[in-house]
Amino acid sequence: MESPLGIKHFITFNGGEDTFTGLRTTDVCDRFLKPSTVYYQASYCGLAKTDPTRSGHIGQVTAFVSHAWGHEFLDVVAALEDFDSSRLSFGSTSSPTTSTRPRIASLPGGRPSLGTISEN
């Protein structure tokens, strides 16, 4: 069963939202991703695909996301959820060949927001 946002499984798998409260994306990378991948010299998703308990939460890549490492991780996840739910509600499955791409921008107060920008 493919999850539209496997990141939620990552959060649950690693202790839940309370574990991530106040952590920046760089903190999450240093505390969770690097330690679990350094021995295998592989990406977290690559390793998760080989684990039957996590492989169902890794799906087809449909968007590229760039973010600032200083944003709070849960804020970035919330922006991704907003973007994912808006794509699902419009029935869009944006692909790399389309003329729009998602982006995260900082809103007043520093909370990231994921939106779509056009290259036209």
PDB file of N, CA and C in Angstrom:
ATOM      1  N   MET A   1       0.847  -1.172   0.000  1.00  0.00           N
ATOM      2  CA  MET A   1       0.000   0.000   0.000  1.00  0.00           C
ATOM      3  C   MET A   1       0.889   1.231   0.000  1.00  0.00           C
ATOM      4  N   GLU A   2       0.857   2.000  -1.032  1.00  0.00           N
ATOM      5  CA  GLU A   2       1.690   3.182  -1.178  1.00  0.00           C
ATOM      6  C   GLU A   2       1.056   4.360  -0.452  1.00  0.00           C
ATOM      7  N   SER A   3       1.846   5.063   0.328  1.00  0.00           N
ATOM      8  CA  SER A   3       1.364   6.221   1.070  1.00  0.00           C
ATOM      9  C   SER A   3       1.665   7.490   0.285  1.00  0.00           C
ATOM     10  N   PRO A   4       0.692   8.399   0.147  1.00  0.00           N
ATOM     11  CA  PRO A   4       0.986   9.643  -0.553  1.00  0.00           C
ATOM     12  C   PRO A   4       2.065  10.450   0.158  1.00  0.00           C
ATOM     13  N   LEU A   5       2.145  10.310   1.458  1.00  0.00           N
ATOM     14  CA  LEU A   5       3.192  11.000   2.211  1.00  0.00           C
ATOM     15  C   LEU A   5       3.853  10.020   3.167  1.00  0.00           C
ATOM     16  N   GLY A   6       4.804   9.265   2.648  1.00  0.00           N
ATOM     17  CA  GLY A   6       5.533   8.308   3.463  1.00  0.00           C
ATOM     18  C   GLY A   6       6.260   8.956   4.622  1.00  0.00           C
ATOM     19  N   ILE A   7       6.435  10.267   4.551  1.00  0.00           N
ATOM     20  CA  ILE A   7       7.118  10.994   5.622  1.00  0.00           C
ATOM     21  C   ILE A   7       6.367  10.845   6.947  1.00  0.00           C
ATOM     22  N   LYS A   8       5.043  10.705   6.875  1.00  0.00           N
ATOM     23  CA  LYS A   8       4.262  10.519   8.100  1.00  0.00           C
ATOM     24  C   LYS A   8       4.615   9.178   8.748  1.00  0.00           C
ATOM     25  N   HIS A   9       4.866   8.167   7.926  1.00  0.00           N
ATOM     26  CA  HIS A   9       5.299   6.873   8.468  1.00  0.00           C
ATOM     27  C   HIS A   9       6.676   7.012   9.105  1.00  0.00           C
ATOM     28  N   PHE A  10       7.568   7.770   8.478  1.00  0.00           N
ATOM     29  CA  PHE A  10       8.892   8.027   9.036  1.00  0.00           C
ATOM     30  C   PHE A  10       8.766   8.647  10.425  1.00  0.00           C
ATOM     31  N   ILE A  11       7.862   9.599  10.585  1.00  0.00           N
ATOM     32  CA  ILE A  11       7.666  10.268  11.877  1.00  0.00           C
ATOM     33  C   ILE A  11       7.165   9.262  12.909  1.00  0.00           C
ATOM     34  N   THR A  12       6.150   8.479  12.551  1.00  0.00           N
ATOM     35  CA  THR A  12       5.594   7.481  13.464  1.00  0.00           C
ATOM     36  C   THR A  12       6.642   6.426  13.822  1.00  0.00           C
ATOM     37  N   PHE A  13       7.366   5.956  12.809  1.00  0.00           N
ATOM     38  CA  PHE A  13       8.393   4.929  12.979  1.00  0.00           C
ATOM     39  C   PHE A  13       9.493   5.385  13.947  1.00  0.00           C
ATOM     40  N   ASN A  14       9.724   6.693  14.008  1.00  0.00           N
ATOM     41  CA  ASN A  14      10.796   7.238  14.839  1.00  0.00           C
ATOM     42  C   ASN A  14      10.305   7.937  16.105  1.00  0.00           C
ATOM     43  N   GLY A  15       9.127   7.583  16.585  1.00  0.00           N
ATOM     44  CA  GLY A  15       8.690   8.074  17.884  1.00  0.00           C
ATOM     45  C   GLY A  15       7.517   9.027  17.891  1.00  0.00           C
ATOM     46  N   GLY A  16       7.026   9.428  16.748  1.00  0.00           N
ATOM     47  CA  GLY A  16       5.865  10.311  16.694  1.00  0.00           C
ATOM     48  C   GLY A  16       6.230  11.783  16.657  1.00  0.00           C
ATOM     49  N   GLU A  17       5.217  12.609  16.492  1.00  0.00           N
ATOM     50  CA  GLU A  17       5.431  14.051  16.324  1.00  0.00           C
ATOM     51  C   GLU A  17       6.137  14.697  17.503  1.00  0.00           C
ATOM     52  N   ASP A  18       5.872  14.240  18.724  1.00  0.00           N
ATOM     53  CA  ASP A  18       6.533  14.834  19.889  1.00  0.00           C
ATOM     54  C   ASP A  18       8.053  14.734  19.786  1.00  0.00           C
ATOM     55  N   THR A  19       8.541  13.663  19.189  1.00  0.00           N
ATOM     56  CA  THR A  19       9.981  13.465  19.009  1.00  0.00           C
ATOM     57  C   THR A  19      10.578  14.543  18.104  1.00  0.00           C
ATOM     58  N   PHE A  20       9.783  15.047  17.163  1.00  0.00           N
ATOM     59  CA  PHE A  20      10.274  15.988  16.159  1.00  0.00           C
ATOM     60  C   PHE A  20       9.956  17.449  16.465  1.00  0.00           C
ATOM     61  N   THR A  21       9.179  17.700  17.513  1.00  0.00           N
ATOM     62  CA  THR A  21       8.800  19.064  17.856  1.00  0.00           C
ATOM     63  C   THR A  21      10.041  19.905  18.128  1.00  0.00           C
ATOM     64  N   GLY A  22      10.137  21.026  17.436  1.00  0.00           N
ATOM     65  CA  GLY A  22      11.251  21.952  17.617  1.00  0.00           C
ATOM     66  C   GLY A  22      12.510  21.618  16.839  1.00  0.00           C
ATOM     67  N   LEU A  23      12.541  20.460  16.173  1.00  0.00           N
ATOM     68  CA  LEU A  23      13.732  20.088  15.397  1.00  0.00           C
ATOM     69  C   LEU A  23      13.689  20.728  14.017  1.00  0.00           C
ATOM     70  N   ARG A  24      14.823  21.236  13.580  1.00  0.00           N
ATOM     71  CA  ARG A  24      14.956  21.752  12.221  1.00  0.00           C
ATOM     72  C   ARG A  24      15.227  20.575  11.282  1.00  0.00           C
ATOM     73  N   THR A  25      15.064  20.791  10.000  1.00  0.00           N
ATOM     74  CA  THR A  25      15.302  19.707   9.047  1.00  0.00           C
ATOM     75  C   THR A  25      16.744  19.204   9.144  1.00  0.00           C
ATOM     76  N   THR A  26      17.680  20.086   9.422  1.00  0.00           N
ATOM     77  CA  THR A  26      19.073  19.647   9.575  1.00  0.00           C
ATOM     78  C   THR A  26      19.235  18.749  10.803  1.00  0.00           C
ATOM     79  N   ASP A  27      18.490  19.047  11.870  1.00  0.00           N
ATOM     80  CA  ASP A  27      18.534  18.207  13.074  1.00  0.00           C
ATOM     81  C   ASP A  27      18.022  16.804  12.772  1.00  0.00           C
ATOM     82  N   VAL A  28      16.930  16.728  12.016  1.00  0.00           N
ATOM     83  CA  VAL A  28      16.347  15.428  11.665  1.00  0.00           C
ATOM     84  C   VAL A  28      17.335  14.623  10.824  1.00  0.00           C
ATOM     85  N   CYS A  29      17.980  15.292   9.899  1.00  0.00           N
ATOM     86  CA  CYS A  29      18.972  14.624   9.056  1.00  0.00           C
ATOM     87  C   CYS A  29      20.110  14.072   9.926  1.00  0.00           C
ATOM     88  N   ASP A  30      20.627  14.909  10.822  1.00  0.00           N
ATOM     89  CA  ASP A  30      21.756  14.498  11.661  1.00  0.00           C
ATOM     90  C   ASP A  30      21.397  13.421  12.682  1.00  0.00           C
ATOM     91  N   ARG A  31      20.191  13.492  13.245  1.00  0.00           N
ATOM     92  CA  ARG A  31      19.809  12.569  14.326  1.00  0.00           C
ATOM     93  C   ARG A  31      19.163  11.270  13.842  1.00  0.00           C
ATOM     94  N   PHE A  32      18.504  11.310  12.680  1.00  0.00           N
ATOM     95  CA  PHE A  32      17.748  10.135  12.241  1.00  0.00           C
ATOM     96  C   PHE A  32      18.252   9.555  10.920  1.00  0.00           C
ATOM     97  N   LEU A  33      18.424  10.398   9.922  1.00  0.00           N
ATOM     98  CA  LEU A  33      18.762   9.886   8.593  1.00  0.00           C
ATOM     99  C   LEU A  33      20.210   9.417   8.488  1.00  0.00           C
ATOM    100  N   LYS A  34      21.149  10.258   8.862  1.00  0.00           N
ATOM    101  CA  LYS A  34      22.560   9.884   8.731  1.00  0.00           C
ATOM    102  C   LYS A  34      22.924   8.640   9.536  1.00  0.00           C
ATOM    103  N   PRO A  35      22.534   8.555  10.816  1.00  0.00           N
ATOM    104  CA  PRO A  35      22.896   7.351  11.579  1.00  0.00           C
ATOM    105  C   PRO A  35      22.311   6.058  11.000  1.00  0.00           C
ATOM    106  N   SER A  36      21.132   6.137  10.393  1.00  0.00           N
ATOM    107  CA  SER A  36      20.508   4.912   9.884  1.00  0.00           C
ATOM    108  C   SER A  36      20.981   4.541   8.483  1.00  0.00           C
ATOM    109  N   THR A  37      21.755   5.408   7.841  1.00  0.00           N
ATOM    110  CA  THR A  37      22.183   5.123   6.467  1.00  0.00           C
ATOM    111  C   THR A  37      23.694   5.049   6.279  1.00  0.00           C
ATOM    112  N   VAL A  38      24.462   5.576   7.210  1.00  0.00           N
ATOM    113  CA  VAL A  38      25.908   5.700   7.021  1.00  0.00           C
ATOM    114  C   VAL A  38      26.582   4.334   6.809  1.00  0.00           C
ATOM    115  N   TYR A  39      26.187   3.332   7.549  1.00  0.00           N
ATOM    116  CA  TYR A  39      26.829   2.014   7.412  1.00  0.00           C
ATOM    117  C   TYR A  39      26.605   1.436   6.019  1.00  0.00           C
ATOM    118  N   TYR A  40      25.392   1.603   5.493  1.00  0.00           N
ATOM    119  CA  TYR A  40      25.042   1.023   4.195  1.00  0.00           C
ATOM    120  C   TYR A  40      25.423   1.911   3.016  1.00  0.00           C
ATOM    121  N   GLN A  41      25.777   3.171   3.290  1.00  0.00           N
ATOM    122  CA  GLN A  41      26.103   4.129   2.224  1.00  0.00           C
ATOM    123  C   GLN A  41      24.977   4.171   1.183  1.00  0.00           C
ATOM    124  N   ALA A  42      23.749   4.283   1.683  1.00  0.00           N
ATOM    125  CA  ALA A  42      22.563   4.292   0.820  1.00  0.00           C
ATOM    126  C   ALA A  42      21.593   5.343   1.332  1.00  0.00           C
ATOM    127  N   SER A  43      20.642   5.710   0.496  1.00  0.00           N
ATOM    128  CA  SER A  43      19.630   6.677   0.906  1.00  0.00           C
ATOM    129  C   SER A  43      18.638   6.023   1.862  1.00  0.00           C
ATOM    130  N   TYR A  44      17.956   6.839   2.644  1.00  0.00           N
ATOM    131  CA  TYR A  44      16.944   6.320   3.564  1.00  0.00           C
ATOM    132  C   TYR A  44      15.831   5.618   2.784  1.00  0.00           C
ATOM    133  N   CYS A  45      15.378   6.235   1.707  1.00  0.00           N
ATOM    134  CA  CYS A  45      14.311   5.616   0.901  1.00  0.00           C
ATOM    135  C   CYS A  45      14.783   4.310   0.273  1.00  0.00           C
ATOM    136  N   GLY A  46      16.023   4.293  -0.196  1.00  0.00           N
ATOM    137  CA  GLY A  46      16.571   3.063  -0.775  1.00  0.00           C
ATOM    138  C   GLY A  46      16.577   1.931   0.227  1.00  0.00           C
ATOM    139  N   LEU A  47      16.951   2.217   1.470  1.00  0.00           N
ATOM    140  CA  LEU A  47      16.943   1.197   2.515  1.00  0.00           C
ATOM    141  C   LEU A  47      15.517   0.814   2.903  1.00  0.00           C
ATOM    142  N   ALA A  48      14.628   1.804   2.981  1.00  0.00           N
ATOM    143  CA  ALA A  48      13.238   1.521   3.362  1.00  0.00           C
ATOM    144  C   ALA A  48      12.554   0.615   2.337  1.00  0.00           C
ATOM    145  N   LYS A  49      12.925   0.753   1.072  1.00  0.00           N
ATOM    146  CA  LYS A  49      12.329  -0.096   0.032  1.00  0.00           C
ATOM    147  C   LYS A  49      12.665  -1.568   0.240  1.00  0.00           C
ATOM    148  N   THR A  50      13.772  -1.863   0.922  1.00  0.00           N
ATOM    149  CA  THR A  50      14.178  -3.252   1.148  1.00  0.00           C
ATOM    150  C   THR A  50      13.602  -3.824   2.437  1.00  0.00           C
ATOM    151  N   ASP A  51      12.920  -2.988   3.220  1.00  0.00           N
ATOM    152  CA  ASP A  51      12.350  -3.408   4.497  1.00  0.00           C
ATOM    153  C   ASP A  51      10.845  -3.599   4.331  1.00  0.00           C
ATOM    154  N   PRO A  52      10.347  -4.830   4.469  1.00  0.00           N
ATOM    155  CA  PRO A  52       8.915  -5.089   4.255  1.00  0.00           C
ATOM    156  C   PRO A  52       7.987  -4.259   5.143  1.00  0.00           C
ATOM    157  N   THR A  53       8.464  -3.837   6.330  1.00  0.00           N
ATOM    158  CA  THR A  53       7.611  -3.037   7.214  1.00  0.00           C
ATOM    159  C   THR A  53       7.516  -1.580   6.776  1.00  0.00           C
ATOM    160  N   ARG A  54       8.421  -1.151   5.884  1.00  0.00           N
ATOM    161  CA  ARG A  54       8.422   0.253   5.436  1.00  0.00           C
ATOM    162  C   ARG A  54       8.252   0.413   3.933  1.00  0.00           C
ATOM    163  N   SER A  55       8.463  -0.644   3.174  1.00  0.00           N
ATOM    164  CA  SER A  55       8.492  -0.506   1.707  1.00  0.00           C
ATOM    165  C   SER A  55       7.167  -0.004   1.122  1.00  0.00           C
ATOM    166  N   GLY A  56       6.057  -0.293   1.761  1.00  0.00           N
ATOM    167  CA  GLY A  56       4.761   0.162   1.263  1.00  0.00           C
ATOM    168  C   GLY A  56       4.538   1.648   1.404  1.00  0.00           C
ATOM    169  N   HIS A  57       5.456   2.321   2.091  1.00  0.00           N
ATOM    170  CA  HIS A  57       5.330   3.764   2.297  1.00  0.00           C
ATOM    171  C   HIS A  57       6.260   4.566   1.381  1.00  0.00           C
ATOM    172  N   ILE A  58       6.921   3.875   0.491  1.00  0.00           N
ATOM    173  CA  ILE A  58       7.812   4.519  -0.472  1.00  0.00           C
ATOM    174  C   ILE A  58       7.178   4.361  -1.844  1.00  0.00           C
ATOM    175  N   GLY A  59       6.897   5.472  -2.511  1.00  0.00           N
ATOM    176  CA  GLY A  59       6.197   5.404  -3.793  1.00  0.00           C
ATOM    177  C   GLY A  59       6.949   6.109  -4.898  1.00  0.00           C
ATOM    178  N   GLN A  60       6.259   6.305  -5.989  1.00  0.00           N
ATOM    179  CA  GLN A  60       6.781   6.992  -7.162  1.00  0.00           C
ATOM    180  C   GLN A  60       7.013   8.475  -6.837  1.00  0.00           C
ATOM    181  N   VAL A  61       8.135   8.995  -7.208  1.00  0.00           N
ATOM    182  CA  VAL A  61       8.419  10.413  -7.018  1.00  0.00           C
ATOM    183  C   VAL A  61       7.578  11.208  -8.011  1.00  0.00           C
ATOM    184  N   THR A  62       6.846  12.207  -7.497  1.00  0.00           N
ATOM    185  CA  THR A  62       5.994  13.031  -8.365  1.00  0.00           C
ATOM    186  C   THR A  62       6.308  14.512  -8.259  1.00  0.00           C
ATOM    187  N   ALA A  63       7.209  14.878  -7.356  1.00  0.00           N
ATOM    188  CA  ALA A  63       7.547  16.294  -7.193  1.00  0.00           C
ATOM    189  C   ALA A  63       8.951  16.403  -6.604  1.00  0.00           C
ATOM    190  N   PHE A  64       9.595  17.508  -6.889  1.00  0.00           N
ATOM    191  CA  PHE A  64      10.890  17.824  -6.287  1.00  0.00           C
ATOM    192  C   PHE A  64      10.653  18.934  -5.274  1.00  0.00           C
ATOM    193  N   VAL A  65      11.194  18.764  -4.085  1.00  0.00           N
ATOM    194  CA  VAL A  65      11.021  19.764  -3.037  1.00  0.00           C
ATOM    195  C   VAL A  65      12.387  20.259  -2.603  1.00  0.00           C
ATOM    196  N   SER A  66      12.535  21.548  -2.616  1.00  0.00           N
ATOM    197  CA  SER A  66      13.732  22.183  -2.098  1.00  0.00           C
ATOM    198  C   SER A  66      13.312  22.944  -0.839  1.00  0.00           C
ATOM    199  N   HIS A  67      14.125  22.885   0.189  1.00  0.00           N
ATOM    200  CA  HIS A  67      13.754  23.540   1.445  1.00  0.00           C
ATOM    201  C   HIS A  67      14.994  24.088   2.120  1.00  0.00           C
ATOM    202  N   ALA A  68      14.774  24.996   3.053  1.00  0.00           N
ATOM    203  CA  ALA A  68      15.868  25.529   3.856  1.00  0.00           C
ATOM    204  C   ALA A  68      16.093  24.592   5.037  1.00  0.00           C
ATOM    205  N   TRP A  69      17.333  24.294   5.320  1.00  0.00           N
ATOM    206  CA  TRP A  69      17.656  23.365   6.400  1.00  0.00           C
ATOM    207  C   TRP A  69      17.305  23.938   7.770  1.00  0.00           C
ATOM    208  N   GLY A  70      17.089  25.232   7.863  1.00  0.00           N
ATOM    209  CA  GLY A  70      16.778  25.862   9.140  1.00  0.00           C
ATOM    210  C   GLY A  70      15.311  25.857   9.510  1.00  0.00           C
ATOM    211  N   HIS A  71      14.430  25.479   8.574  1.00  0.00           N
ATOM    212  CA  HIS A  71      12.996  25.435   8.896  1.00  0.00           C
ATOM    213  C   HIS A  71      12.717  24.288   9.857  1.00  0.00           C
ATOM    214  N   GLU A  72      11.693  24.484  10.687  1.00  0.00           N
ATOM    215  CA  GLU A  72      11.283  23.386  11.554  1.00  0.00           C
ATOM    216  C   GLU A  72      10.734  22.256  10.702  1.00  0.00           C
ATOM    217  N   PHE A  73      11.187  21.056  10.996  1.00  0.00           N
ATOM    218  CA  PHE A  73      10.841  19.877  10.219  1.00  0.00           C
ATOM    219  C   PHE A  73       9.330  19.684  10.114  1.00  0.00           C
ATOM    220  N   LEU A  74       8.609  19.797  11.225  1.00  0.00           N
ATOM    221  CA  LEU A  74       7.163  19.574  11.193  1.00  0.00           C
ATOM    222  C   LEU A  74       6.438  20.640  10.373  1.00  0.00           C
ATOM    223  N   ASP A  75       6.990  21.845  10.284  1.00  0.00           N
ATOM    224  CA  ASP A  75       6.405  22.880   9.426  1.00  0.00           C
ATOM    225  C   ASP A  75       6.579  22.506   7.951  1.00  0.00           C
ATOM    226  N   VAL A  76       7.733  21.972   7.620  1.00  0.00           N
ATOM    227  CA  VAL A  76       7.960  21.524   6.237  1.00  0.00           C
ATOM    228  C   VAL A  76       7.011  20.370   5.913  1.00  0.00           C
ATOM    229  N   VAL A  77       6.831  19.435   6.844  1.00  0.00           N
ATOM    230  CA  VAL A  77       5.903  18.327   6.635  1.00  0.00           C
ATOM    231  C   VAL A  77       4.484  18.858   6.445  1.00  0.00           C
ATOM    232  N   ALA A  78       4.085  19.844   7.244  1.00  0.00           N
ATOM    233  CA  ALA A  78       2.739  20.431   7.108  1.00  0.00           C
ATOM    234  C   ALA A  78       2.578  21.073   5.733  1.00  0.00           C
ATOM    235  N   ALA A  79       3.609  21.743   5.246  1.00  0.00           N
ATOM    236  CA  ALA A  79       3.549  22.343   3.913  1.00  0.00           C
ATOM    237  C   ALA A  79       3.421  21.269   2.839  1.00  0.00           C
ATOM    238  N   LEU A  80       4.139  20.172   3.007  1.00  0.00           N
ATOM    239  CA  LEU A  80       4.028  19.058   2.064  1.00  0.00           C
ATOM    240  C   LEU A  80       2.630  18.450   2.084  1.00  0.00           C
ATOM    241  N   GLU A  81       2.068  18.321   3.277  1.00  0.00           N
ATOM    242  CA  GLU A  81       0.704  17.790   3.387  1.00  0.00           C
ATOM    243  C   GLU A  81      -0.299  18.710   2.696  1.00  0.00           C
ATOM    244  N   ASP A  82      -0.150  20.034   2.904  1.00  0.00           N
ATOM    245  CA  ASP A  82      -1.037  20.996   2.251  1.00  0.00           C
ATOM    246  C   ASP A  82      -0.938  20.865   0.739  1.00  0.00           C
ATOM    247  N   PHE A  83       0.290  20.773   0.249  1.00  0.00           N
ATOM    248  CA  PHE A  83       0.502  20.646  -1.190  1.00  0.00           C
ATOM    249  C   PHE A  83      -0.100  19.343  -1.708  1.00  0.00           C
ATOM    250  N   ASP A  84       0.150  18.245  -0.991  1.00  0.00           N
ATOM    251  CA  ASP A  84      -0.352  16.946  -1.423  1.00  0.00           C
ATOM    252  C   ASP A  84      -1.877  16.927  -1.448  1.00  0.00           C
ATOM    253  N   SER A  85      -2.510  17.478  -0.424  1.00  0.00           N
ATOM    254  CA  SER A  85      -3.976  17.463  -0.390  1.00  0.00           C
ATOM    255  C   SER A  85      -4.557  18.367  -1.470  1.00  0.00           C
ATOM    256  N   SER A  86      -3.890  19.470  -1.798  1.00  0.00           N
ATOM    257  CA  SER A  86      -4.407  20.344  -2.866  1.00  0.00           C
ATOM    258  C   SER A  86      -4.253  19.673  -4.224  1.00  0.00           C
ATOM    259  N   ARG A  87      -3.173  18.923  -4.422  1.00  0.00           N
ATOM    260  CA  ARG A  87      -3.011  18.188  -5.687  1.00  0.00           C
ATOM    261  C   ARG A  87      -4.063  17.110  -5.812  1.00  0.00           C
ATOM    262  N   LEU A  88      -4.325  16.398  -4.726  1.00  0.00           N
ATOM    263  CA  LEU A  88      -5.319  15.330  -4.761  1.00  0.00           C
ATOM    264  C   LEU A  88      -6.713  15.884  -4.986  1.00  0.00           C
ATOM    265  N   SER A  89      -7.018  17.050  -4.396  1.00  0.00           N
ATOM    266  CA  SER A  89      -8.356  17.608  -4.548  1.00  0.00           C
ATOM    267  C   SER A  89      -8.606  18.098  -5.971  1.00  0.00           C
ATOM    268  N   PHE A  90      -7.557  18.479  -6.680  1.00  0.00           N
ATOM    269  CA  PHE A  90      -7.704  18.912  -8.062  1.00  0.00           C
ATOM    270  C   PHE A  90      -7.464  17.779  -9.055  1.00  0.00           C
ATOM    271  N   GLY A  91      -7.068  16.605  -8.537  1.00  0.00           N
ATOM    272  CA  GLY A  91      -6.823  15.452  -9.407  1.00  0.00           C
ATOM    273  C   GLY A  91      -5.571  15.601 -10.245  1.00  0.00           C
ATOM    274  N   SER A  92      -4.681  16.479  -9.865  1.00  0.00           N
ATOM    275  CA  SER A  92      -3.456  16.735 -10.623  1.00  0.00           C
ATOM    276  C   SER A  92      -2.376  15.742 -10.240  1.00  0.00           C
ATOM    277  N   THR A  93      -1.635  15.300 -11.201  1.00  0.00           N
ATOM    278  CA  THR A  93      -0.435  14.496 -10.943  1.00  0.00           C
ATOM    279  C   THR A  93       0.693  15.121 -11.736  1.00  0.00           C
ATOM    280  N   SER A  94       1.147  16.231 -11.254  1.00  0.00           N
ATOM    281  CA  SER A  94       2.189  16.993 -11.917  1.00  0.00           C
ATOM    282  C   SER A  94       3.409  16.123 -12.190  1.00  0.00           C
ATOM    283  N   SER A  95       3.958  16.229 -13.366  1.00  0.00           N
ATOM    284  CA  SER A  95       5.159  15.456 -13.696  1.00  0.00           C
ATOM    285  C   SER A  95       6.284  16.403 -14.049  1.00  0.00           C
ATOM    286  N   PRO A  96       7.516  15.912 -14.065  1.00  0.00           N
ATOM    287  CA  PRO A  96       8.652  16.782 -14.359  1.00  0.00           C
ATOM    288  C   PRO A  96       8.579  17.435 -15.736  1.00  0.00           C
ATOM    289  N   THR A  97       7.732  16.955 -16.630  1.00  0.00           N
ATOM    290  CA  THR A  97       7.664  17.532 -17.961  1.00  0.00           C
ATOM    291  C   THR A  97       6.643  18.662 -18.066  1.00  0.00           C
ATOM    292  N   THR A  98       5.907  18.939 -16.985  1.00  0.00           N
ATOM    293  CA  THR A  98       4.933  20.022 -17.033  1.00  0.00           C
ATOM    294  C   THR A  98       5.621  21.349 -16.794  1.00  0.00           C
ATOM    295  N   SER A  99       4.890  22.434 -17.002  1.00  0.00           N
ATOM    296  CA  SER A  99       5.496  23.755 -16.886  1.00  0.00           C
ATOM    297  C   SER A  99       5.368  24.343 -15.490  1.00  0.00           C
ATOM    298  N   THR A 100       4.858  23.587 -14.521  1.00  0.00           N
ATOM    299  CA  THR A 100       4.788  24.075 -13.152  1.00  0.00           C
ATOM    300  C   THR A 100       5.572  23.149 -12.257  1.00  0.00           C
ATOM    301  N   ARG A 101       6.044  23.707 -11.146  1.00  0.00           N
ATOM    302  CA  ARG A 101       6.759  22.874 -10.181  1.00  0.00           C
ATOM    303  C   ARG A 101       6.456  23.379  -8.780  1.00  0.00           C
ATOM    304  N   PRO A 102       6.448  22.490  -7.789  1.00  0.00           N
ATOM    305  CA  PRO A 102       6.164  22.910  -6.423  1.00  0.00           C
ATOM    306  C   PRO A 102       7.366  23.611  -5.823  1.00  0.00           C
ATOM    307  N   ARG A 103       7.111  24.447  -4.836  1.00  0.00           N
ATOM    308  CA  ARG A 103       8.202  25.088  -4.110  1.00  0.00           C
ATOM    309  C   ARG A 103       7.747  25.392  -2.700  1.00  0.00           C
ATOM    310  N   ILE A 104       8.685  25.537  -1.809  1.00  0.00           N
ATOM    311  CA  ILE A 104       8.388  25.982  -0.448  1.00  0.00           C
ATOM    312  C   ILE A 104       8.901  27.402  -0.330  1.00  0.00           C
ATOM    313  N   ALA A 105       8.052  28.280   0.150  1.00  0.00           N
ATOM    314  CA  ALA A 105       8.441  29.666   0.379  1.00  0.00           C
ATOM    315  C   ALA A 105       8.182  29.985   1.840  1.00  0.00           C
ATOM    316  N   SER A 106       8.953  30.883   2.399  1.00  0.00           N
ATOM    317  CA  SER A 106       8.717  31.282   3.784  1.00  0.00           C
ATOM    318  C   SER A 106       7.607  32.315   3.826  1.00  0.00           C
ATOM    319  N   LEU A 107       6.665  32.068   4.691  1.00  0.00           N
ATOM    320  CA  LEU A 107       5.583  33.007   4.934  1.00  0.00           C
ATOM    321  C   LEU A 107       5.986  33.907   6.089  1.00  0.00           C
ATOM    322  N   PRO A 108       5.269  35.015   6.292  1.00  0.00           N
ATOM    323  CA  PRO A 108       5.556  35.836   7.478  1.00  0.00           C
ATOM    324  C   PRO A 108       5.500  34.961   8.726  1.00  0.00           C
ATOM    325  N   GLY A 109       6.439  35.157   9.612  1.00  0.00           N
ATOM    326  CA  GLY A 109       6.520  34.317  10.802  1.00  0.00           C
ATOM    327  C   GLY A 109       7.431  33.121  10.605  1.00  0.00           C
ATOM    328  N   GLY A 110       7.918  32.916   9.380  1.00  0.00           N
ATOM    329  CA  GLY A 110       8.890  31.872   9.115  1.00  0.00           C
ATOM    330  C   GLY A 110       8.337  30.520   8.755  1.00  0.00           C
ATOM    331  N   ARG A 111       6.997  30.323   8.807  1.00  0.00           N
ATOM    332  CA  ARG A 111       6.433  29.019   8.471  1.00  0.00           C
ATOM    333  C   ARG A 111       6.528  28.807   6.971  1.00  0.00           C
ATOM    334  N   PRO A 112       7.068  27.652   6.539  1.00  0.00           N
ATOM    335  CA  PRO A 112       7.171  27.404   5.104  1.00  0.00           C
ATOM    336  C   PRO A 112       5.808  27.098   4.495  1.00  0.00           C
ATOM    337  N   SER A 113       5.663  27.445   3.244  1.00  0.00           N
ATOM    338  CA  SER A 113       4.446  27.143   2.508  1.00  0.00           C
ATOM    339  C   SER A 113       4.846  26.543   1.173  1.00  0.00           C
ATOM    340  N   LEU A 114       4.212  25.458   0.789  1.00  0.00           N
ATOM    341  CA  LEU A 114       4.503  24.815  -0.481  1.00  0.00           C
ATOM    342  C   LEU A 114       3.480  25.305  -1.484  1.00  0.00           C
ATOM    343  N   GLY A 115       3.936  25.794  -2.607  1.00  0.00           N
ATOM    344  CA  GLY A 115       3.042  26.283  -3.635  1.00  0.00           C
ATOM    345  C   GLY A 115       3.495  25.822  -4.992  1.00  0.00           C
ATOM    346  N   THR A 116       2.896  26.355  -6.013  1.00  0.00           N
ATOM    347  CA  THR A 116       3.285  26.005  -7.372  1.00  0.00           C
ATOM    348  C   THR A 116       3.662  27.277  -8.090  1.00  0.00           C
ATOM    349  N   ILE A 117       4.770  27.224  -8.817  1.00  0.00           N
ATOM    350  CA  ILE A 117       5.172  28.359  -9.619  1.00  0.00           C
ATOM    351  C   ILE A 117       5.172  27.948 -11.074  1.00  0.00           C
ATOM    352  N   SER A 118       4.872  28.876 -11.910  1.00  0.00           N
ATOM    353  CA  SER A 118       4.817  28.588 -13.332  1.00  0.00           C
ATOM    354  C   SER A 118       6.066  29.110 -14.000  1.00  0.00           C
ATOM    355  N   GLU A 119       6.531  28.397 -14.998  1.00  0.00           N
ATOM    356  CA  GLU A 119       7.714  28.845 -15.750  1.00  0.00           C
ATOM    357  C   GLU A 119       7.315  29.597 -17.011  1.00  0.00           C
ATOM    358  N   ASN A 120       6.022  29.821 -17.210  1.00  0.00           N
ATOM    359  CA  ASN A 120       5.553  30.547 -18.408  1.00  0.00           C
ATOM    360  C   ASN A 120       5.743  32.027 -18.261  1.00  0.00           C
TER     361      ASN A 120
END
